[in-house]
PDB file of N, CA and C in Angstrom:
ATOM      1  N   MET A   1       0.842  -1.172   0.000  1.00  0.00           N
ATOM      2  CA  MET A   1       0.000   0.000   0.000  1.00  0.00           C
ATOM      3  C   MET A   1       0.891   1.240   0.000  1.00  0.00           C
ATOM      4  N   THR A   2       0.587   2.196  -0.844  1.00  0.00           N
ATOM      5  CA  THR A   2       1.390   3.415  -0.915  1.00  0.00           C
ATOM      6  C   THR A   2       0.890   4.510   0.020  1.00  0.00           C
ATOM      7  N   VAL A   3      -0.428   4.691   0.074  1.00  0.00           N
ATOM      8  CA  VAL A   3      -1.022   5.756   0.887  1.00  0.00           C
ATOM      9  C   VAL A   3      -2.197   5.177   1.663  1.00  0.00           C
ATOM     10  N   LYS A   4      -2.282   5.489   2.937  1.00  0.00           N
ATOM     11  CA  LYS A   4      -3.374   5.026   3.788  1.00  0.00           C
ATOM     12  C   LYS A   4      -4.170   6.241   4.271  1.00  0.00           C
ATOM     13  N   ILE A   5      -5.488   6.194   4.116  1.00  0.00           N
ATOM     14  CA  ILE A   5      -6.358   7.260   4.601  1.00  0.00           C
ATOM     15  C   ILE A   5      -6.533   7.072   6.110  1.00  0.00           C
ATOM     16  N   LEU A   6      -6.349   8.152   6.861  1.00  0.00           N
ATOM     17  CA  LEU A   6      -6.476   8.117   8.314  1.00  0.00           C
ATOM     18  C   LEU A   6      -7.671   8.950   8.758  1.00  0.00           C
ATOM     19  N   SER A   7      -8.072   8.770  10.007  1.00  0.00           N
ATOM     20  CA  SER A   7      -9.098   9.593  10.637  1.00  0.00           C
ATOM     21  C   SER A   7      -8.504  10.196  11.903  1.00  0.00           C
ATOM     22  N   PRO A   8      -8.862  11.438  12.201  1.00  0.00           N
ATOM     23  CA  PRO A   8      -8.415  11.994  13.486  1.00  0.00           C
ATOM     24  C   PRO A   8      -8.905  11.121  14.627  1.00  0.00           C
ATOM     25  N   GLU A   9      -8.176  11.109  15.730  1.00  0.00           N
ATOM     26  CA  GLU A   9      -8.580  10.321  16.897  1.00  0.00           C
ATOM     27  C   GLU A   9      -9.814  10.907  17.569  1.00  0.00           C
ATOM     28  N   PHE A  10      -9.943  12.219  17.507  1.00  0.00           N
ATOM     29  CA  PHE A  10     -11.017  12.892  18.230  1.00  0.00           C
ATOM     30  C   PHE A  10     -11.345  14.193  17.515  1.00  0.00           C
ATOM     31  N   LEU A  11     -12.624  14.516  17.424  1.00  0.00           N
ATOM     32  CA  LEU A  11     -13.069  15.779  16.853  1.00  0.00           C
ATOM     33  C   LEU A  11     -14.219  16.307  17.688  1.00  0.00           C
ATOM     34  N   HIS A  12     -14.099  17.539  18.150  1.00  0.00           N
ATOM     35  CA  HIS A  12     -15.171  18.171  18.923  1.00  0.00           C
ATOM     36  C   HIS A  12     -15.480  19.520  18.288  1.00  0.00           C
ATOM     37  N   THR A  13     -16.738  19.771  18.049  1.00  0.00           N
ATOM     38  CA  THR A  13     -17.180  21.039  17.484  1.00  0.00           C
ATOM     39  C   THR A  13     -18.331  21.569  18.319  1.00  0.00           C
ATOM     40  N   ASP A  14     -18.283  22.853  18.643  1.00  0.00           N
ATOM     41  CA  ASP A  14     -19.402  23.524  19.293  1.00  0.00           C
ATOM     42  C   ASP A  14     -19.422  24.979  18.841  1.00  0.00           C
ATOM     43  N   GLU A  15     -20.209  25.801  19.496  1.00  0.00           N
ATOM     44  CA  GLU A  15     -20.360  27.196  19.075  1.00  0.00           C
ATOM     45  C   GLU A  15     -19.057  28.004  19.158  1.00  0.00           C
ATOM     46  N   ARG A  16     -18.087  27.534  19.899  1.00  0.00           N
ATOM     47  CA  ARG A  16     -16.801  28.233  20.031  1.00  0.00           C
ATOM     48  C   ARG A  16     -15.850  27.931  18.884  1.00  0.00           C
ATOM     49  N   GLY A  17     -16.055  26.809  18.206  1.00  0.00           N
ATOM     50  CA  GLY A  17     -15.156  26.372  17.132  1.00  0.00           C
ATOM     51  C   GLY A  17     -14.965  24.875  17.186  1.00  0.00           C
ATOM     52  N   SER A  18     -13.756  24.419  16.885  1.00  0.00           N
ATOM     53  CA  SER A  18     -13.519  22.978  16.856  1.00  0.00           C
ATOM     54  C   SER A  18     -12.138  22.631  17.402  1.00  0.00           C
ATOM     55  N   LEU A  19     -12.016  21.373  17.817  1.00  0.00           N
ATOM     56  CA  LEU A  19     -10.748  20.796  18.265  1.00  0.00           C
ATOM     57  C   LEU A  19     -10.582  19.469  17.540  1.00  0.00           C
ATOM     58  N   THR A  20      -9.468  19.320  16.834  1.00  0.00           N
ATOM     59  CA  THR A  20      -9.170  18.082  16.125  1.00  0.00           C
ATOM     60  C   THR A  20      -7.909  17.484  16.720  1.00  0.00           C
ATOM     61  N   GLN A  21      -8.029  16.288  17.284  1.00  0.00           N
ATOM     62  CA  GLN A  21      -6.862  15.570  17.816  1.00  0.00           C
ATOM     63  C   GLN A  21      -6.409  14.579  16.767  1.00  0.00           C
ATOM     64  N   LEU A  22      -5.221  14.808  16.215  1.00  0.00           N
ATOM     65  CA  LEU A  22      -4.715  13.920  15.178  1.00  0.00           C
ATOM     66  C   LEU A  22      -4.140  12.646  15.767  1.00  0.00           C
ATOM     67  N   ALA A  23      -3.340  12.773  16.823  1.00  0.00           N
ATOM     68  CA  ALA A  23      -2.682  11.605  17.406  1.00  0.00           C
ATOM     69  C   ALA A  23      -2.294  11.898  18.842  1.00  0.00           C
ATOM     70  N   SER A  24      -2.406  10.891  19.685  1.00  0.00           N
ATOM     71  CA  SER A  24      -1.971  11.021  21.075  1.00  0.00           C
ATOM     72  C   SER A  24      -0.688  10.238  21.326  1.00  0.00           C
ATOM     73  N   GLY A  25      -0.155   9.655  20.282  1.00  0.00           N
ATOM     74  CA  GLY A  25       1.091   8.897  20.371  1.00  0.00           C
ATOM     75  C   GLY A  25       1.481   8.397  18.997  1.00  0.00           C
ATOM     76  N   GLY A  26       2.699   7.859  18.903  1.00  0.00           N
ATOM     77  CA  GLY A  26       3.124   7.247  17.657  1.00  0.00           C
ATOM     78  C   GLY A  26       3.888   8.156  16.714  1.00  0.00           C
ATOM     79  N   TYR A  27       3.998   9.440  17.034  1.00  0.00           N
ATOM     80  CA  TYR A  27       4.752  10.364  16.191  1.00  0.00           C
ATOM     81  C   TYR A  27       5.747  11.122  17.059  1.00  0.00           C
ATOM     82  N   SER A  28       6.945  11.377  16.522  1.00  0.00           N
ATOM     83  CA  SER A  28       7.960  12.057  17.320  1.00  0.00           C
ATOM     84  C   SER A  28       8.437  13.370  16.708  1.00  0.00           C
ATOM     85  N   GLN A  29       8.007  13.670  15.497  1.00  0.00           N
ATOM     86  CA  GLN A  29       8.336  14.953  14.869  1.00  0.00           C
ATOM     87  C   GLN A  29       7.076  15.466  14.209  1.00  0.00           C
ATOM     88  N   ILE A  30       6.725  16.720  14.486  1.00  0.00           N
ATOM     89  CA  ILE A  30       5.525  17.329  13.907  1.00  0.00           C
ATOM     90  C   ILE A  30       5.914  18.687  13.343  1.00  0.00           C
ATOM     91  N   ASN A  31       5.598  18.910  12.075  1.00  0.00           N
ATOM     92  CA  ASN A  31       5.907  20.157  11.391  1.00  0.00           C
ATOM     93  C   ASN A  31       4.621  20.760  10.828  1.00  0.00           C
ATOM     94  N   ILE A  32       4.619  22.076  10.629  1.00  0.00           N
ATOM     95  CA  ILE A  32       3.562  22.748   9.883  1.00  0.00           C
ATOM     96  C   ILE A  32       4.192  23.204   8.577  1.00  0.00           C
ATOM     97  N   LEU A  33       3.598  22.789   7.466  1.00  0.00           N
ATOM     98  CA  LEU A  33       4.113  23.107   6.142  1.00  0.00           C
ATOM     99  C   LEU A  33       3.147  24.064   5.454  1.00  0.00           C
ATOM    100  N   VAL A  34       3.661  25.174   4.946  1.00  0.00           N
ATOM    101  CA  VAL A  34       2.870  26.123   4.165  1.00  0.00           C
ATOM    102  C   VAL A  34       3.468  26.141   2.769  1.00  0.00           C
ATOM    103  N   SER A  35       2.641  25.864   1.757  1.00  0.00           N
ATOM    104  CA  SER A  35       3.093  25.882   0.367  1.00  0.00           C
ATOM    105  C   SER A  35       2.236  26.858  -0.418  1.00  0.00           C
ATOM    106  N   GLU A  36       2.874  27.655  -1.246  1.00  0.00           N
ATOM    107  CA  GLU A  36       2.166  28.606  -2.089  1.00  0.00           C
ATOM    108  C   GLU A  36       1.612  27.902  -3.324  1.00  0.00           C
ATOM    109  N   SER A  37       0.674  28.531  -4.016  1.00  0.00           N
ATOM    110  CA  SER A  37       0.058  27.919  -5.195  1.00  0.00           C
ATOM    111  C   SER A  37       1.075  27.751  -6.323  1.00  0.00           C
ATOM    112  N   GLY A  38       0.916  26.661  -7.061  1.00  0.00           N
ATOM    113  CA  GLY A  38       1.779  26.366  -8.188  1.00  0.00           C
ATOM    114  C   GLY A  38       3.085  25.694  -7.834  1.00  0.00           C
ATOM    115  N   VAL A  39       3.285  25.358  -6.567  1.00  0.00           N
ATOM    116  CA  VAL A  39       4.535  24.759  -6.090  1.00  0.00           C
ATOM    117  C   VAL A  39       4.447  23.235  -6.123  1.00  0.00           C
ATOM    118  N   THR A  40       5.566  22.585  -6.452  1.00  0.00           N
ATOM    119  CA  THR A  40       5.686  21.129  -6.345  1.00  0.00           C
ATOM    120  C   THR A  40       6.763  20.829  -5.311  1.00  0.00           C
ATOM    121  N   ARG A  41       6.464  19.891  -4.415  1.00  0.00           N
ATOM    122  CA  ARG A  41       7.418  19.463  -3.389  1.00  0.00           C
ATOM    123  C   ARG A  41       7.533  17.942  -3.439  1.00  0.00           C
ATOM    124  N   GLY A  42       8.570  17.448  -2.844  1.00  0.00           N
ATOM    125  CA  GLY A  42       8.741  15.994  -2.742  1.00  0.00           C
ATOM    126  C   GLY A  42       9.725  15.492  -3.772  1.00  0.00           C
ATOM    127  N   GLY A  43       9.312  14.440  -4.487  1.00  0.00           N
ATOM    128  CA  GLY A  43      10.228  13.783  -5.404  1.00  0.00           C
ATOM    129  C   GLY A  43      11.263  12.980  -4.638  1.00  0.00           C
ATOM    130  N   HIS A  44      10.809  12.384  -3.530  1.00  0.00           N
ATOM    131  CA  HIS A  44      11.705  11.612  -2.677  1.00  0.00           C
ATOM    132  C   HIS A  44      10.926  10.508  -1.956  1.00  0.00           C
ATOM    133  N   TYR A  45      11.666   9.710  -1.200  1.00  0.00           N
ATOM    134  CA  TYR A  45      11.067   8.697  -0.336  1.00  0.00           C
ATOM    135  C   TYR A  45      11.886   8.640   0.943  1.00  0.00           C
ATOM    136  N   HIS A  46      11.337   7.959   1.933  1.00  0.00           N
ATOM    137  CA  HIS A  46      12.025   7.750   3.208  1.00  0.00           C
ATOM    138  C   HIS A  46      12.234   6.249   3.378  1.00  0.00           C
ATOM    139  N   LYS A  47      13.403   5.851   3.809  1.00  0.00           N
ATOM    140  CA  LYS A  47      13.664   4.427   4.028  1.00  0.00           C
ATOM    141  C   LYS A  47      13.045   3.932   5.322  1.00  0.00           C
ATOM    142  N   ILE A  48      13.018   4.788   6.368  1.00  0.00           N
ATOM    143  CA  ILE A  48      12.515   4.319   7.661  1.00  0.00           C
ATOM    144  C   ILE A  48      11.351   5.130   8.219  1.00  0.00           C
ATOM    145  N   CYS A  49      11.185   6.370   7.792  1.00  0.00           N
ATOM    146  CA  CYS A  49      10.126   7.231   8.357  1.00  0.00           C
ATOM    147  C   CYS A  49       8.757   6.944   7.748  1.00  0.00           C
ATOM    148  N   ARG A  50       7.771   6.882   8.614  1.00  0.00           N
ATOM    149  CA  ARG A  50       6.363   6.848   8.223  1.00  0.00           C
ATOM    150  C   ARG A  50       5.876   8.281   8.399  1.00  0.00           C
ATOM    151  N   GLU A  51       5.213   8.831   7.374  1.00  0.00           N
ATOM    152  CA  GLU A  51       4.872  10.248   7.343  1.00  0.00           C
ATOM    153  C   GLU A  51       3.365  10.422   7.147  1.00  0.00           C
ATOM    154  N   ALA A  52       2.748  11.246   7.991  1.00  0.00           N
ATOM    155  CA  ALA A  52       1.312  11.500   7.884  1.00  0.00           C
ATOM    156  C   ALA A  52       1.085  12.988   7.630  1.00  0.00           C
ATOM    157  N   PHE A  53       0.013  13.304   6.912  1.00  0.00           N
ATOM    158  CA  PHE A  53      -0.307  14.679   6.542  1.00  0.00           C
ATOM    159  C   PHE A  53      -1.771  14.965   6.885  1.00  0.00           C
ATOM    160  N   TYR A  54      -2.013  16.103   7.522  1.00  0.00           N
ATOM    161  CA  TYR A  54      -3.376  16.573   7.802  1.00  0.00           C
ATOM    162  C   TYR A  54      -3.519  17.937   7.136  1.00  0.00           C
ATOM    163  N   ILE A  55      -4.490  18.058   6.227  1.00  0.00           N
ATOM    164  CA  ILE A  55      -4.679  19.298   5.487  1.00  0.00           C
ATOM    165  C   ILE A  55      -5.500  20.262   6.337  1.00  0.00           C
ATOM    166  N   ILE A  56      -4.858  21.352   6.744  1.00  0.00           N
ATOM    167  CA  ILE A  56      -5.512  22.373   7.554  1.00  0.00           C
ATOM    168  C   ILE A  56      -6.322  23.306   6.668  1.00  0.00           C
ATOM    169  N   ASP A  57      -5.739  23.703   5.525  1.00  0.00           N
ATOM    170  CA  ASP A  57      -6.420  24.602   4.599  1.00  0.00           C
ATOM    171  C   ASP A  57      -5.828  24.417   3.210  1.00  0.00           C
ATOM    172  N   GLY A  58      -6.653  24.499   2.191  1.00  0.00           N
ATOM    173  CA  GLY A  58      -6.185  24.384   0.812  1.00  0.00           C
ATOM    174  C   GLY A  58      -6.308  22.982   0.263  1.00  0.00           C
ATOM    175  N   THR A  59      -5.620  22.750  -0.857  1.00  0.00           N
ATOM    176  CA  THR A  59      -5.647  21.444  -1.513  1.00  0.00           C
ATOM    177  C   THR A  59      -4.238  21.059  -1.960  1.00  0.00           C
ATOM    178  N   VAL A  60      -4.048  19.757  -2.117  1.00  0.00           N
ATOM    179  CA  VAL A  60      -2.783  19.219  -2.607  1.00  0.00           C
ATOM    180  C   VAL A  60      -3.084  17.979  -3.449  1.00  0.00           C
ATOM    181  N   LYS A  61      -2.399  17.870  -4.575  1.00  0.00           N
ATOM    182  CA  LYS A  61      -2.482  16.667  -5.409  1.00  0.00           C
ATOM    183  C   LYS A  61      -1.266  15.809  -5.079  1.00  0.00           C
ATOM    184  N   VAL A  62      -1.524  14.618  -4.565  1.00  0.00           N
ATOM    185  CA  VAL A  62      -0.456  13.707  -4.152  1.00  0.00           C
ATOM    186  C   VAL A  62      -0.310  12.606  -5.200  1.00  0.00           C
ATOM    187  N   THR A  63       0.920  12.401  -5.632  1.00  0.00           N
ATOM    188  CA  THR A  63       1.255  11.293  -6.513  1.00  0.00           C
ATOM    189  C   THR A  63       2.281  10.452  -5.765  1.00  0.00           C
ATOM    190  N   ALA A  64       2.041   9.147  -5.708  1.00  0.00           N
ATOM    191  CA  ALA A  64       2.935   8.264  -4.950  1.00  0.00           C
ATOM    192  C   ALA A  64       3.070   6.930  -5.681  1.00  0.00           C
ATOM    193  N   GLU A  65       4.218   6.290  -5.471  1.00  0.00           N
ATOM    194  CA  GLU A  65       4.416   4.961  -6.052  1.00  0.00           C
ATOM    195  C   GLU A  65       5.476   4.205  -5.269  1.00  0.00           C
ATOM    196  N   ASN A  66       5.278   2.907  -5.245  1.00  0.00           N
ATOM    197  CA  ASN A  66       6.316   2.017  -4.745  1.00  0.00           C
ATOM    198  C   ASN A  66       6.490   0.925  -5.796  1.00  0.00           C
ATOM    199  N   ASP A  67       7.098  -0.172  -5.459  1.00  0.00           N
ATOM    200  CA  ASP A  67       7.348  -1.218  -6.451  1.00  0.00           C
ATOM    201  C   ASP A  67       6.082  -1.862  -6.998  1.00  0.00           C
ATOM    202  N   LYS A  68       4.967  -1.743  -6.253  1.00  0.00           N
ATOM    203  CA  LYS A  68       3.754  -2.457  -6.625  1.00  0.00           C
ATOM    204  C   LYS A  68       2.586  -1.569  -7.032  1.00  0.00           C
ATOM    205  N   GLU A  69       2.581  -0.321  -6.618  1.00  0.00           N
ATOM    206  CA  GLU A  69       1.399   0.526  -6.791  1.00  0.00           C
ATOM    207  C   GLU A  69       1.735   1.930  -7.246  1.00  0.00           C
ATOM    208  N   PHE A  70       0.805   2.513  -8.014  1.00  0.00           N
ATOM    209  CA  PHE A  70       0.832   3.927  -8.365  1.00  0.00           C
ATOM    210  C   PHE A  70      -0.435   4.530  -7.778  1.00  0.00           C
ATOM    211  N   TYR A  71      -0.333   5.709  -7.190  1.00  0.00           N
ATOM    212  CA  TYR A  71      -1.456   6.324  -6.489  1.00  0.00           C
ATOM    213  C   TYR A  71      -1.477   7.809  -6.803  1.00  0.00           C
ATOM    214  N   GLU A  72      -2.683   8.343  -7.076  1.00  0.00           N
ATOM    215  CA  GLU A  72      -2.829   9.776  -7.302  1.00  0.00           C
ATOM    216  C   GLU A  72      -4.194  10.216  -6.778  1.00  0.00           C
ATOM    217  N   ARG A  73      -4.192  11.316  -6.018  1.00  0.00           N
ATOM    218  CA  ARG A  73      -5.445  11.807  -5.446  1.00  0.00           C
ATOM    219  C   ARG A  73      -5.267  13.260  -5.004  1.00  0.00           C
ATOM    220  N   VAL A  74      -6.358  14.003  -5.059  1.00  0.00           N
ATOM    221  CA  VAL A  74      -6.377  15.366  -4.534  1.00  0.00           C
ATOM    222  C   VAL A  74      -6.960  15.314  -3.124  1.00  0.00           C
ATOM    223  N   PHE A  75      -6.246  15.900  -2.173  1.00  0.00           N
ATOM    224  CA  PHE A  75      -6.694  15.976  -0.792  1.00  0.00           C
ATOM    225  C   PHE A  75      -7.071  17.417  -0.475  1.00  0.00           C
ATOM    226  N   ARG A  76      -8.098  17.560   0.389  1.00  0.00           N
ATOM    227  CA  ARG A  76      -8.628  18.870   0.745  1.00  0.00           C
ATOM    228  C   ARG A  76      -8.649  19.060   2.258  1.00  0.00           C
ATOM    229  N   GLN A  77      -9.036  20.248   2.662  1.00  0.00           N
ATOM    230  CA  GLN A  77      -9.127  20.591   4.075  1.00  0.00           C
ATOM    231  C   GLN A  77      -9.826  19.483   4.860  1.00  0.00           C
ATOM    232  N   GLY A  78      -9.195  19.049   5.957  1.00  0.00           N
ATOM    233  CA  GLY A  78      -9.752  18.007   6.815  1.00  0.00           C
ATOM    234  C   GLY A  78      -9.325  16.599   6.461  1.00  0.00           C
ATOM    235  N   ASP A  79      -8.715  16.401   5.301  1.00  0.00           N
ATOM    236  CA  ASP A  79      -8.229  15.068   4.930  1.00  0.00           C
ATOM    237  C   ASP A  79      -6.949  14.755   5.704  1.00  0.00           C
ATOM    238  N   PHE A  80      -6.762  13.466   6.002  1.00  0.00           N
ATOM    239  CA  PHE A  80      -5.655  12.987   6.819  1.00  0.00           C
ATOM    240  C   PHE A  80      -5.173  11.686   6.193  1.00  0.00           C
ATOM    241  N   PHE A  81      -3.904  11.608   5.842  1.00  0.00           N
ATOM    242  CA  PHE A  81      -3.403  10.410   5.174  1.00  0.00           C
ATOM    243  C   PHE A  81      -1.950  10.157   5.570  1.00  0.00           C
ATOM    244  N   GLU A  82      -1.495   8.939   5.290  1.00  0.00           N
ATOM    245  CA  GLU A  82      -0.169   8.496   5.700  1.00  0.00           C
ATOM    246  C   GLU A  82       0.553   7.870   4.509  1.00  0.00           C
ATOM    247  N   ILE A  83       1.848   8.124   4.424  1.00  0.00           N
ATOM    248  CA  ILE A  83       2.687   7.538   3.378  1.00  0.00           C
ATOM    249  C   ILE A  83       3.732   6.655   4.052  1.00  0.00           C
ATOM    250  N   TYR A  84       3.833   5.430   3.559  1.00  0.00           N
ATOM    251  CA  TYR A  84       4.714   4.431   4.166  1.00  0.00           C
ATOM    252  C   TYR A  84       6.152   4.561   3.681  1.00  0.00           C
ATOM    253  N   PRO A  85       7.105   4.074   4.477  1.00  0.00           N
ATOM    254  CA  PRO A  85       8.503   4.050   4.038  1.00  0.00           C
ATOM    255  C   PRO A  85       8.632   3.317   2.700  1.00  0.00           C
ATOM    256  N   GLY A  86       9.568   3.776   1.886  1.00  0.00           N
ATOM    257  CA  GLY A  86       9.797   3.155   0.580  1.00  0.00           C
ATOM    258  C   GLY A  86       8.886   3.656  -0.516  1.00  0.00           C
ATOM    259  N   THR A  87       7.957   4.551  -0.194  1.00  0.00           N
ATOM    260  CA  THR A  87       7.007   5.075  -1.168  1.00  0.00           C
ATOM    261  C   THR A  87       7.479   6.450  -1.648  1.00  0.00           C
ATOM    262  N   ALA A  88       7.823   6.541  -2.923  1.00  0.00           N
ATOM    263  CA  ALA A  88       8.192   7.836  -3.502  1.00  0.00           C
ATOM    264  C   ALA A  88       6.932   8.690  -3.568  1.00  0.00           C
ATOM    265  N   HIS A  89       7.059   9.967  -3.223  1.00  0.00           N
ATOM    266  CA  HIS A  89       5.895  10.838  -3.253  1.00  0.00           C
ATOM    267  C   HIS A  89       6.255  12.241  -3.708  1.00  0.00           C
ATOM    268  N   GLU A  90       5.274  12.837  -4.383  1.00  0.00           N
ATOM    269  CA  GLU A  90       5.401  14.191  -4.905  1.00  0.00           C
ATOM    270  C   GLU A  90       4.073  14.887  -4.652  1.00  0.00           C
ATOM    271  N   MET A  91       4.129  16.162  -4.316  1.00  0.00           N
ATOM    272  CA  MET A  91       2.920  16.922  -4.012  1.00  0.00           C
ATOM    273  C   MET A  91       2.890  18.192  -4.838  1.00  0.00           C
ATOM    274  N   TYR A  92       1.767  18.396  -5.518  1.00  0.00           N
ATOM    275  CA  TYR A  92       1.554  19.622  -6.279  1.00  0.00           C
ATOM    276  C   TYR A  92       0.454  20.416  -5.583  1.00  0.00           C
ATOM    277  N   PHE A  93       0.693  21.706  -5.387  1.00  0.00           N
ATOM    278  CA  PHE A  93      -0.238  22.571  -4.670  1.00  0.00           C
ATOM    279  C   PHE A  93      -0.895  23.538  -5.652  1.00  0.00           C
ATOM    280  N   PRO A  94      -2.127  23.245  -6.093  1.00  0.00           N
ATOM    281  CA  PRO A  94      -2.807  24.136  -7.048  1.00  0.00           C
ATOM    282  C   PRO A  94      -3.225  25.463  -6.409  1.00  0.00           C
ATOM    283  N   GLU A  95      -3.264  25.486  -5.099  1.00  0.00           N
ATOM    284  CA  GLU A  95      -3.563  26.707  -4.351  1.00  0.00           C
ATOM    285  C   GLU A  95      -2.748  26.688  -3.069  1.00  0.00           C
ATOM    286  N   ARG A  96      -2.688  27.805  -2.376  1.00  0.00           N
ATOM    287  CA  ARG A  96      -1.961  27.869  -1.107  1.00  0.00           C
ATOM    288  C   ARG A  96      -2.509  26.795  -0.168  1.00  0.00           C
ATOM    289  N   CYS A  97      -1.618  26.121   0.516  1.00  0.00           N
ATOM    290  CA  CYS A  97      -2.021  24.995   1.358  1.00  0.00           C
ATOM    291  C   CYS A  97      -1.227  25.015   2.661  1.00  0.00           C
ATOM    292  N   ILE A  98      -1.926  24.726   3.752  1.00  0.00           N
ATOM    293  CA  ILE A  98      -1.300  24.596   5.062  1.00  0.00           C
ATOM    294  C   ILE A  98      -1.608  23.190   5.562  1.00  0.00           C
ATOM    295  N   MET A  99      -0.580  22.478   5.981  1.00  0.00           N
ATOM    296  CA  MET A  99      -0.788  21.116   6.480  1.00  0.00           C
ATOM    297  C   MET A  99       0.121  20.824   7.663  1.00  0.00           C
ATOM    298  N   ALA A 100      -0.353  19.943   8.522  1.00  0.00           N
ATOM    299  CA  ALA A 100       0.478  19.397   9.591  1.00  0.00           C
ATOM    300  C   ALA A 100       1.125  18.136   9.035  1.00  0.00           C
ATOM    301  N   VAL A 101       2.427  17.985   9.291  1.00  0.00           N
ATOM    302  CA  VAL A 101       3.168  16.818   8.825  1.00  0.00           C
ATOM    303  C   VAL A 101       3.726  16.111  10.059  1.00  0.00           C
ATOM    304  N   LEU A 102       3.393  14.827  10.220  1.00  0.00           N
ATOM    305  CA  LEU A 102       3.789  14.055  11.388  1.00  0.00           C
ATOM    306  C   LEU A 102       4.686  12.900  10.947  1.00  0.00           C
ATOM    307  N   TYR A 103       5.795  12.710  11.645  1.00  0.00           N
ATOM    308  CA  TYR A 103       6.719  11.608  11.368  1.00  0.00           C
ATOM    309  C   TYR A 103       6.786  10.690  12.581  1.00  0.00           C
ATOM    310  N   ASP A 104       6.850   9.382  12.337  1.00  0.00           N
ATOM    311  CA  ASP A 104       6.935   8.442  13.459  1.00  0.00           C
ATOM    312  C   ASP A 104       8.314   8.451  14.105  1.00  0.00           C
ATOM    313  N   ARG A 105       9.314   9.038  13.441  1.00  0.00           N
ATOM    314  CA  ARG A 105      10.651   9.235  13.990  1.00  0.00           C
ATOM    315  C   ARG A 105      11.246  10.447  13.278  1.00  0.00           C
ATOM    316  N   PRO A 106      12.200  11.114  13.899  1.00  0.00           N
ATOM    317  CA  PRO A 106      12.771  12.300  13.260  1.00  0.00           C
ATOM    318  C   PRO A 106      13.403  11.980  11.905  1.00  0.00           C
ATOM    319  N   VAL A 107      13.207  12.872  10.951  1.00  0.00           N
ATOM    320  CA  VAL A 107      13.784  12.705   9.616  1.00  0.00           C
ATOM    321  C   VAL A 107      15.290  12.918   9.665  1.00  0.00           C
ATOM    322  N   GLU A 108      15.714  13.863  10.480  1.00  0.00           N
ATOM    323  CA  GLU A 108      17.139  14.144  10.611  1.00  0.00           C
ATOM    324  C   GLU A 108      17.668  13.526  11.894  1.00  0.00           C
ATOM    325  N   THR A 109      18.748  12.793  11.763  1.00  0.00           N
ATOM    326  CA  THR A 109      19.415  12.202  12.929  1.00  0.00           C
ATOM    327  C   THR A 109      20.883  12.608  12.893  1.00  0.00           C
ATOM    328  N   GLY A 110      21.625  12.193  13.876  1.00  0.00           N
ATOM    329  CA  GLY A 110      23.046  12.496  13.903  1.00  0.00           C
ATOM    330  C   GLY A 110      23.803  11.926  12.729  1.00  0.00           C
ATOM    331  N   SER A 111      23.238  10.893  12.092  1.00  0.00           N
ATOM    332  CA  SER A 111      23.926  10.248  10.972  1.00  0.00           C
ATOM    333  C   SER A 111      23.437  10.726   9.608  1.00  0.00           C
ATOM    334  N   GLY A 112      22.538  11.702   9.570  1.00  0.00           N
ATOM    335  CA  GLY A 112      22.068  12.220   8.283  1.00  0.00           C
ATOM    336  C   GLY A 112      20.562  12.343   8.217  1.00  0.00           C
ATOM    337  N   LYS A 113      20.044  12.470   7.003  1.00  0.00           N
ATOM    338  CA  LYS A 113      18.611  12.619   6.770  1.00  0.00           C
ATOM    339  C   LYS A 113      18.044  11.365   6.110  1.00  0.00           C
ATOM    340  N   ASP A 114      16.836  11.015   6.495  1.00  0.00           N
ATOM    341  CA  ASP A 114      16.124   9.896   5.878  1.00  0.00           C
ATOM    342  C   ASP A 114      15.291  10.428   4.705  1.00  0.00           C
ATOM    343  N   ILE A 115      15.963  11.045   3.748  1.00  0.00           N
ATOM    344  CA  ILE A 115      15.322  11.575   2.547  1.00  0.00           C
ATOM    345  C   ILE A 115      16.182  11.164   1.363  1.00  0.00           C
ATOM    346  N   TYR A 116      15.560  10.433   0.405  1.00  0.00           N
ATOM    347  CA  TYR A 116      16.286   9.918  -0.746  1.00  0.00           C
ATOM    348  C   TYR A 116      15.532  10.307  -2.012  1.00  0.00           C
ATOM    349  N   GLU A 117      16.223  10.987  -2.918  1.00  0.00           N
ATOM    350  CA  GLU A 117      15.587  11.472  -4.133  1.00  0.00           C
ATOM    351  C   GLU A 117      15.122  10.314  -5.012  1.00  0.00           C
ATOM    352  N   ARG A 118      13.904  10.430  -5.504  1.00  0.00           N
ATOM    353  CA  ARG A 118      13.369   9.486  -6.489  1.00  0.00           C
ATOM    354  C   ARG A 118      12.161  10.133  -7.150  1.00  0.00           C
ATOM    355  N   LYS A 119      12.270  10.359  -8.427  1.00  0.00           N
ATOM    356  CA  LYS A 119      11.170  10.952  -9.184  1.00  0.00           C
ATOM    357  C   LYS A 119      10.104   9.900  -9.446  1.00  0.00           C
ATOM    358  N   ILE A 120       8.874  10.368  -9.506  1.00  0.00           N
ATOM    359  CA  ILE A 120       7.741   9.494  -9.835  1.00  0.00           C
ATOM    360  C   ILE A 120       7.766   9.204 -11.319  1.00  0.00           C
ATOM    361  N   MET A 121       7.613   7.946 -11.681  1.00  0.00           N
ATOM    362  CA  MET A 121       7.563   7.547 -13.085  1.00  0.00           C
ATOM    363  C   MET A 121       6.108   7.438 -13.500  1.00  0.00           C
ATOM    364  N   ARG A 122       5.627   8.393 -14.267  1.00  0.00           N
ATOM    365  CA  ARG A 122       4.202   8.412 -14.668  1.00  0.00           C
ATOM    366  C   ARG A 122       4.003   7.771 -15.999  1.00  0.00           C
TER     367      ARG A 122
END
């Protein structure tokens, strides 16, 4: 499997607004990524990191592949998905997008980065 659709652990909405709990464990690095419209990011894979994305605002077109599968989908605000180690992925942002990015272990360690270039073969 290249991409797994996830659900937040908890969601509460009332007249004050909302609270979305993405995870209470299992991730050790959390980043907020802001991408402007027309930008492409990625073109790489991770050998050991499992990476999850929660779209806070905007849209992103995700293209992913591993040895067995090719995957392409547009994700929107509120979508939550995970990319497994060994899966090359590329993201195109047709509009400004803000997302939370969660890793099950830090991408950067004392011995280097778990980021390896690999273009998607379409």
